[in-house]
Amino acid sequence: MTESVIIGFDFGEKRIGVAIGNTVTQEARAYRIIDSRTNAARWEGIGAVVKEWEPSAFVVGIPRHPDGTPHEMTARCERFARQLEGRFHLPVHRVDERYSSAVVESDADFIDDEAACIILQQYFEESKLNS
């Protein structure tokens, strides 16, 4: 198996959590939080991460209500995923992130990078089950 980097995102209107993982170890780690309050800040931050890590794919968490129905952030996260595809021409995998922030145990004010780590790790776990 060829090693490649996958970047995971926990999208938010104010902040985007970023996690990094690779296809060999299939272990994710929290990487950083990007300011998402303006489009310029959002894409500048994401572009810097993409340039640094040269990923082969992205993973985006898609939030839903506990019963699986979409809510107001579902469409925004789907739009973000489509924008990633369009800007960087890489595959974007979507992961159900209903409970990612709830699983994070932290005293920190901002846990977006940890939530992204859980989303990316969930992707790796699902990939193992499907292979």
N, C-alpha and C. Protein backbone atom coordinates (compact mmCIF):
# COMPACT_ATOMS: atom_id res chain seq x y z
N MET A 1 0.84 -1.19 0.00
CA MET A 1 0.00 0.00 0.00
C MET A 1 0.88 1.25 0.00
N THR A 2 0.58 2.18 -0.85
CA THR A 2 1.31 3.43 -0.92
C THR A 2 0.79 4.37 0.16
N GLU A 3 1.71 4.99 0.87
CA GLU A 3 1.32 5.92 1.92
C GLU A 3 0.89 7.25 1.31
N SER A 4 -0.24 7.75 1.76
CA SER A 4 -0.66 9.08 1.38
C SER A 4 -1.38 9.73 2.55
N VAL A 5 -1.41 11.04 2.52
CA VAL A 5 -2.01 11.83 3.60
C VAL A 5 -3.48 12.10 3.29
N ILE A 6 -4.30 12.02 4.31
CA ILE A 6 -5.71 12.42 4.22
C ILE A 6 -5.94 13.49 5.27
N ILE A 7 -6.62 14.55 4.88
CA ILE A 7 -6.93 15.64 5.79
C ILE A 7 -8.42 15.59 6.13
N GLY A 8 -8.71 15.64 7.43
CA GLY A 8 -10.10 15.65 7.89
C GLY A 8 -10.50 17.03 8.38
N PHE A 9 -11.77 17.37 8.15
CA PHE A 9 -12.29 18.68 8.54
C PHE A 9 -13.56 18.57 9.37
N ASP A 10 -13.61 19.39 10.41
CA ASP A 10 -14.84 19.62 11.16
C ASP A 10 -15.24 21.06 10.83
N PHE A 11 -16.18 21.21 9.88
CA PHE A 11 -16.53 22.54 9.37
C PHE A 11 -17.42 23.29 10.36
N GLY A 12 -17.10 24.56 10.53
CA GLY A 12 -17.94 25.46 11.32
C GLY A 12 -17.87 26.84 10.71
N GLU A 13 -18.87 27.65 10.98
CA GLU A 13 -18.91 28.99 10.39
C GLU A 13 -17.85 29.91 11.00
N LYS A 14 -17.43 29.66 12.24
CA LYS A 14 -16.41 30.49 12.88
C LYS A 14 -15.04 29.83 12.85
N ARG A 15 -15.02 28.50 12.98
CA ARG A 15 -13.76 27.77 13.02
C ARG A 15 -13.92 26.46 12.26
N ILE A 16 -12.79 26.01 11.68
CA ILE A 16 -12.74 24.70 11.03
C ILE A 16 -11.63 23.91 11.70
N GLY A 17 -12.00 22.77 12.26
CA GLY A 17 -11.01 21.90 12.85
C GLY A 17 -10.35 21.07 11.76
N VAL A 18 -9.04 20.86 11.89
CA VAL A 18 -8.29 20.10 10.90
C VAL A 18 -7.54 18.97 11.60
N ALA A 19 -7.61 17.79 10.97
CA ALA A 19 -6.85 16.64 11.45
C ALA A 19 -6.08 16.05 10.28
N ILE A 20 -4.98 15.40 10.59
CA ILE A 20 -4.11 14.79 9.59
C ILE A 20 -4.01 13.30 9.89
N GLY A 21 -4.01 12.50 8.83
CA GLY A 21 -3.79 11.06 9.00
C GLY A 21 -3.17 10.51 7.74
N ASN A 22 -2.69 9.26 7.82
CA ASN A 22 -2.17 8.66 6.59
C ASN A 22 -2.76 7.29 6.38
N THR A 23 -2.68 6.84 5.15
CA THR A 23 -3.36 5.62 4.74
C THR A 23 -2.68 4.35 5.22
N VAL A 24 -1.43 4.43 5.67
CA VAL A 24 -0.74 3.24 6.15
C VAL A 24 -1.07 2.96 7.61
N THR A 25 -0.83 3.94 8.47
CA THR A 25 -1.11 3.73 9.90
C THR A 25 -2.60 3.84 10.19
N GLN A 26 -3.32 4.56 9.36
CA GLN A 26 -4.75 4.84 9.55
C GLN A 26 -5.04 5.37 10.95
N GLU A 27 -4.17 6.28 11.37
CA GLU A 27 -4.36 6.96 12.65
C GLU A 27 -4.43 8.46 12.39
N ALA A 28 -5.43 9.08 12.98
CA ALA A 28 -5.63 10.52 12.82
C ALA A 28 -5.05 11.25 14.03
N ARG A 29 -4.63 12.49 13.79
CA ARG A 29 -4.21 13.34 14.90
C ARG A 29 -4.71 14.76 14.65
N ALA A 30 -5.11 15.40 15.73
CA ALA A 30 -5.56 16.78 15.64
C ALA A 30 -4.40 17.63 15.15
N TYR A 31 -4.69 18.58 14.26
CA TYR A 31 -3.61 19.36 13.68
C TYR A 31 -3.72 20.86 13.98
N ARG A 32 -4.84 21.47 13.61
CA ARG A 32 -4.98 22.90 13.88
C ARG A 32 -6.43 23.33 13.73
N ILE A 33 -6.67 24.58 14.11
CA ILE A 33 -7.98 25.20 13.94
C ILE A 33 -7.80 26.40 13.03
N ILE A 34 -8.63 26.47 12.00
CA ILE A 34 -8.57 27.56 11.02
C ILE A 34 -9.71 28.53 11.28
N ASP A 35 -9.39 29.82 11.24
CA ASP A 35 -10.41 30.86 11.36
C ASP A 35 -11.30 30.79 10.13
N SER A 36 -12.60 30.67 10.35
CA SER A 36 -13.53 30.50 9.23
C SER A 36 -14.54 31.63 9.13
N ARG A 37 -14.26 32.75 9.81
CA ARG A 37 -15.25 33.84 9.82
C ARG A 37 -15.37 34.57 8.49
N THR A 38 -14.31 34.51 7.66
CA THR A 38 -14.40 35.09 6.32
C THR A 38 -13.95 34.05 5.31
N ASN A 39 -14.45 34.15 4.10
CA ASN A 39 -14.05 33.22 3.04
C ASN A 39 -12.55 33.29 2.79
N ALA A 40 -12.00 34.52 2.81
CA ALA A 40 -10.56 34.69 2.55
C ALA A 40 -9.74 33.95 3.60
N ALA A 41 -10.08 34.13 4.87
CA ALA A 41 -9.34 33.46 5.95
C ALA A 41 -9.50 31.94 5.84
N ARG A 42 -10.71 31.50 5.56
CA ARG A 42 -10.99 30.06 5.45
C ARG A 42 -10.11 29.42 4.38
N TRP A 43 -10.15 29.95 3.16
CA TRP A 43 -9.45 29.31 2.05
C TRP A 43 -7.94 29.53 2.10
N GLU A 44 -7.52 30.63 2.70
CA GLU A 44 -6.08 30.85 2.89
C GLU A 44 -5.53 29.79 3.86
N GLY A 45 -6.24 29.57 4.95
CA GLY A 45 -5.81 28.57 5.93
C GLY A 45 -5.83 27.16 5.37
N ILE A 46 -6.89 26.81 4.66
CA ILE A 46 -6.99 25.48 4.07
C ILE A 46 -5.92 25.30 3.00
N GLY A 47 -5.72 26.33 2.17
CA GLY A 47 -4.70 26.25 1.13
C GLY A 47 -3.31 26.01 1.70
N ALA A 48 -3.00 26.65 2.83
CA ALA A 48 -1.69 26.46 3.46
C ALA A 48 -1.52 25.02 3.95
N VAL A 49 -2.58 24.45 4.52
CA VAL A 49 -2.51 23.06 5.00
C VAL A 49 -2.35 22.10 3.83
N VAL A 50 -3.09 22.35 2.76
CA VAL A 50 -3.01 21.49 1.57
C VAL A 50 -1.61 21.56 0.96
N LYS A 51 -1.06 22.75 0.87
CA LYS A 51 0.28 22.91 0.31
C LYS A 51 1.31 22.18 1.16
N GLU A 52 1.19 22.29 2.47
CA GLU A 52 2.15 21.66 3.38
C GLU A 52 2.08 20.14 3.33
N TRP A 53 0.88 19.57 3.30
CA TRP A 53 0.71 18.13 3.45
C TRP A 53 0.48 17.38 2.14
N GLU A 54 0.11 18.06 1.08
CA GLU A 54 -0.14 17.43 -0.22
C GLU A 54 -0.99 16.15 -0.09
N PRO A 55 -2.22 16.30 0.36
CA PRO A 55 -3.06 15.13 0.60
C PRO A 55 -3.54 14.45 -0.68
N SER A 56 -3.98 13.20 -0.53
CA SER A 56 -4.58 12.47 -1.65
C SER A 56 -6.10 12.55 -1.59
N ALA A 57 -6.64 12.96 -0.43
CA ALA A 57 -8.09 13.05 -0.27
C ALA A 57 -8.42 13.86 0.98
N PHE A 58 -9.69 14.21 1.08
CA PHE A 58 -10.22 14.91 2.26
C PHE A 58 -11.36 14.10 2.85
N VAL A 59 -11.61 14.36 4.13
CA VAL A 59 -12.79 13.81 4.82
C VAL A 59 -13.48 14.98 5.49
N VAL A 60 -14.79 15.08 5.28
CA VAL A 60 -15.58 16.15 5.89
C VAL A 60 -16.70 15.53 6.71
N GLY A 61 -16.82 16.00 7.94
CA GLY A 61 -17.92 15.55 8.79
C GLY A 61 -19.22 16.22 8.37
N ILE A 62 -20.27 15.41 8.25
CA ILE A 62 -21.59 15.93 7.88
C ILE A 62 -22.52 15.75 9.09
N PRO A 63 -22.93 16.85 9.71
CA PRO A 63 -23.76 16.74 10.91
C PRO A 63 -25.22 16.45 10.57
N ARG A 64 -25.86 15.74 11.46
CA ARG A 64 -27.29 15.45 11.34
C ARG A 64 -27.88 15.41 12.74
N HIS A 65 -29.20 15.48 12.80
CA HIS A 65 -29.89 15.27 14.07
C HIS A 65 -29.69 13.81 14.49
N PRO A 66 -29.87 13.50 15.78
CA PRO A 66 -29.69 12.11 16.23
C PRO A 66 -30.52 11.09 15.45
N ASP A 67 -31.68 11.49 14.92
CA ASP A 67 -32.50 10.54 14.16
C ASP A 67 -32.07 10.43 12.70
N GLY A 68 -30.99 11.15 12.33
CA GLY A 68 -30.46 11.07 10.97
C GLY A 68 -30.96 12.13 10.01
N THR A 69 -31.94 12.91 10.42
CA THR A 69 -32.46 13.95 9.53
C THR A 69 -31.49 15.13 9.49
N PRO A 70 -31.44 15.82 8.36
CA PRO A 70 -30.53 16.97 8.24
C PRO A 70 -30.99 18.15 9.10
N HIS A 71 -30.04 19.00 9.46
CA HIS A 71 -30.38 20.27 10.11
C HIS A 71 -29.65 21.40 9.39
N GLU A 72 -29.67 22.60 9.96
CA GLU A 72 -29.18 23.77 9.23
C GLU A 72 -27.71 23.66 8.81
N MET A 73 -26.87 22.97 9.56
CA MET A 73 -25.46 22.86 9.19
C MET A 73 -25.19 21.75 8.17
N THR A 74 -26.12 20.84 7.98
CA THR A 74 -25.91 19.74 7.03
C THR A 74 -25.63 20.28 5.63
N ALA A 75 -26.47 21.17 5.15
CA ALA A 75 -26.30 21.73 3.80
C ALA A 75 -25.02 22.55 3.70
N ARG A 76 -24.66 23.28 4.76
CA ARG A 76 -23.43 24.07 4.73
C ARG A 76 -22.20 23.18 4.63
N CYS A 77 -22.21 22.07 5.35
CA CYS A 77 -21.07 21.14 5.30
C CYS A 77 -20.99 20.45 3.95
N GLU A 78 -22.13 20.11 3.37
CA GLU A 78 -22.14 19.52 2.02
C GLU A 78 -21.58 20.53 1.02
N ARG A 79 -21.95 21.78 1.15
CA ARG A 79 -21.44 22.83 0.25
C ARG A 79 -19.92 22.97 0.40
N PHE A 80 -19.46 22.97 1.65
CA PHE A 80 -18.02 23.03 1.91
C PHE A 80 -17.30 21.86 1.24
N ALA A 81 -17.87 20.66 1.34
CA ALA A 81 -17.27 19.47 0.71
C ALA A 81 -17.18 19.65 -0.81
N ARG A 82 -18.24 20.18 -1.41
CA ARG A 82 -18.23 20.41 -2.87
C ARG A 82 -17.19 21.47 -3.24
N GLN A 83 -17.04 22.50 -2.41
CA GLN A 83 -16.05 23.55 -2.67
C GLN A 83 -14.63 22.98 -2.59
N LEU A 84 -14.38 22.09 -1.62
CA LEU A 84 -13.07 21.44 -1.53
C LEU A 84 -12.77 20.68 -2.82
N GLU A 85 -13.75 19.91 -3.28
CA GLU A 85 -13.58 19.14 -4.53
C GLU A 85 -13.26 20.06 -5.69
N GLY A 86 -14.00 21.15 -5.79
CA GLY A 86 -13.82 22.08 -6.90
C GLY A 86 -12.49 22.82 -6.86
N ARG A 87 -12.05 23.20 -5.67
CA ARG A 87 -10.81 23.97 -5.56
C ARG A 87 -9.56 23.12 -5.70
N PHE A 88 -9.59 21.92 -5.14
CA PHE A 88 -8.35 21.13 -5.07
C PHE A 88 -8.38 19.87 -5.94
N HIS A 89 -9.51 19.57 -6.55
CA HIS A 89 -9.63 18.44 -7.47
C HIS A 89 -9.16 17.12 -6.85
N LEU A 90 -9.58 16.91 -5.61
CA LEU A 90 -9.28 15.68 -4.87
C LEU A 90 -10.58 15.08 -4.37
N PRO A 91 -10.59 13.77 -4.14
CA PRO A 91 -11.81 13.14 -3.60
C PRO A 91 -12.12 13.68 -2.20
N VAL A 92 -13.40 13.84 -1.92
CA VAL A 92 -13.86 14.26 -0.60
C VAL A 92 -14.83 13.21 -0.09
N HIS A 93 -14.45 12.55 1.00
CA HIS A 93 -15.30 11.55 1.62
C HIS A 93 -16.10 12.20 2.72
N ARG A 94 -17.35 11.82 2.84
CA ARG A 94 -18.21 12.40 3.86
C ARG A 94 -18.44 11.37 4.97
N VAL A 95 -18.42 11.84 6.22
CA VAL A 95 -18.60 10.98 7.37
C VAL A 95 -19.70 11.57 8.24
N ASP A 96 -20.59 10.71 8.70
CA ASP A 96 -21.65 11.12 9.63
C ASP A 96 -20.99 11.54 10.94
N GLU A 97 -21.13 12.81 11.28
CA GLU A 97 -20.45 13.31 12.47
C GLU A 97 -21.42 13.66 13.60
N ARG A 98 -22.52 12.96 13.68
CA ARG A 98 -23.52 13.29 14.70
C ARG A 98 -22.96 13.46 16.10
N TYR A 99 -21.98 12.66 16.46
CA TYR A 99 -21.55 12.68 17.86
C TYR A 99 -20.09 13.05 18.05
N SER A 100 -19.44 13.58 17.03
CA SER A 100 -18.00 13.83 17.14
C SER A 100 -17.66 14.83 18.24
N SER A 101 -18.36 15.95 18.32
CA SER A 101 -18.04 16.94 19.36
C SER A 101 -18.43 16.43 20.74
N ALA A 102 -19.46 15.62 20.81
CA ALA A 102 -19.89 15.08 22.10
C ALA A 102 -18.88 14.08 22.66
N VAL A 103 -18.11 13.43 21.79
CA VAL A 103 -17.15 12.41 22.21
C VAL A 103 -15.86 13.04 22.73
N VAL A 104 -15.56 14.25 22.27
CA VAL A 104 -14.31 14.90 22.66
C VAL A 104 -14.36 15.24 24.14
N GLU A 105 -13.32 14.82 24.86
CA GLU A 105 -13.20 15.16 26.27
C GLU A 105 -12.07 16.16 26.41
N SER A 106 -12.43 17.41 26.71
CA SER A 106 -11.42 18.45 26.78
C SER A 106 -11.91 19.60 27.62
N ASP A 107 -10.97 20.27 28.27
CA ASP A 107 -11.29 21.49 29.01
C ASP A 107 -11.02 22.72 28.15
N ALA A 108 -10.52 22.51 26.94
CA ALA A 108 -10.19 23.63 26.05
C ALA A 108 -11.45 24.33 25.58
N ASP A 109 -11.31 25.62 25.29
CA ASP A 109 -12.44 26.40 24.78
C ASP A 109 -12.84 25.94 23.38
N PHE A 110 -11.85 25.61 22.56
CA PHE A 110 -12.12 25.22 21.19
C PHE A 110 -11.62 23.80 20.97
N ILE A 111 -12.53 22.93 20.53
CA ILE A 111 -12.22 21.52 20.36
C ILE A 111 -12.37 21.08 18.91
N ASP A 112 -12.42 22.05 18.00
CA ASP A 112 -12.70 21.74 16.60
C ASP A 112 -11.66 20.78 15.99
N ASP A 113 -10.39 20.95 16.35
CA ASP A 113 -9.36 20.06 15.81
C ASP A 113 -9.52 18.64 16.36
N GLU A 114 -9.93 18.52 17.62
CA GLU A 114 -10.17 17.20 18.20
C GLU A 114 -11.39 16.53 17.55
N ALA A 115 -12.41 17.33 17.27
CA ALA A 115 -13.59 16.80 16.58
C ALA A 115 -13.20 16.32 15.17
N ALA A 116 -12.34 17.09 14.49
CA ALA A 116 -11.87 16.68 13.16
C ALA A 116 -11.10 15.37 13.26
N CYS A 117 -10.34 15.20 14.32
CA CYS A 117 -9.58 13.97 14.53
C CYS A 117 -10.53 12.78 14.67
N ILE A 118 -11.60 12.95 15.41
CA ILE A 118 -12.58 11.87 15.58
C ILE A 118 -13.25 11.55 14.25
N ILE A 119 -13.58 12.56 13.48
CA ILE A 119 -14.20 12.37 12.16
C ILE A 119 -13.26 11.57 11.25
N LEU A 120 -11.99 11.98 11.20
CA LEU A 120 -11.03 11.29 10.34
C LEU A 120 -10.78 9.87 10.83
N GLN A 121 -10.69 9.68 12.14
CA GLN A 121 -10.48 8.33 12.66
C GLN A 121 -11.69 7.44 12.35
N GLN A 122 -12.88 8.02 12.42
CA GLN A 122 -14.09 7.27 12.07
C GLN A 122 -14.03 6.83 10.60
N TYR A 123 -13.55 7.71 9.73
CA TYR A 123 -13.39 7.36 8.32
C TYR A 123 -12.44 6.16 8.17
N PHE A 124 -11.30 6.21 8.88
CA PHE A 124 -10.35 5.11 8.80
C PHE A 124 -10.97 3.81 9.31
N GLU A 125 -11.71 3.87 10.39
CA GLU A 125 -12.34 2.67 10.95
C GLU A 125 -13.37 2.09 9.96
N GLU A 126 -14.16 2.97 9.35
CA GLU A 126 -15.14 2.51 8.36
C GLU A 126 -14.46 1.91 7.13
N SER A 127 -13.31 2.49 6.75
CA SER A 127 -12.54 1.96 5.61
C SER A 127 -12.05 0.56 5.90
N LYS A 128 -11.59 0.31 7.13
CA LYS A 128 -11.12 -1.03 7.52
C LYS A 128 -12.26 -2.04 7.44
N LEU A 129 -13.44 -1.64 7.89
CA LEU A 129 -14.59 -2.55 7.89
C LEU A 129 -15.03 -2.89 6.47
N ASN A 130 -14.86 -1.94 5.55
CA ASN A 130 -15.32 -2.14 4.18
C ASN A 130 -14.26 -2.75 3.27
N SER A 131 -13.09 -3.06 3.81
CA SER A 131 -12.05 -3.64 2.94
C SER A 131 -11.85 -5.12 3.17
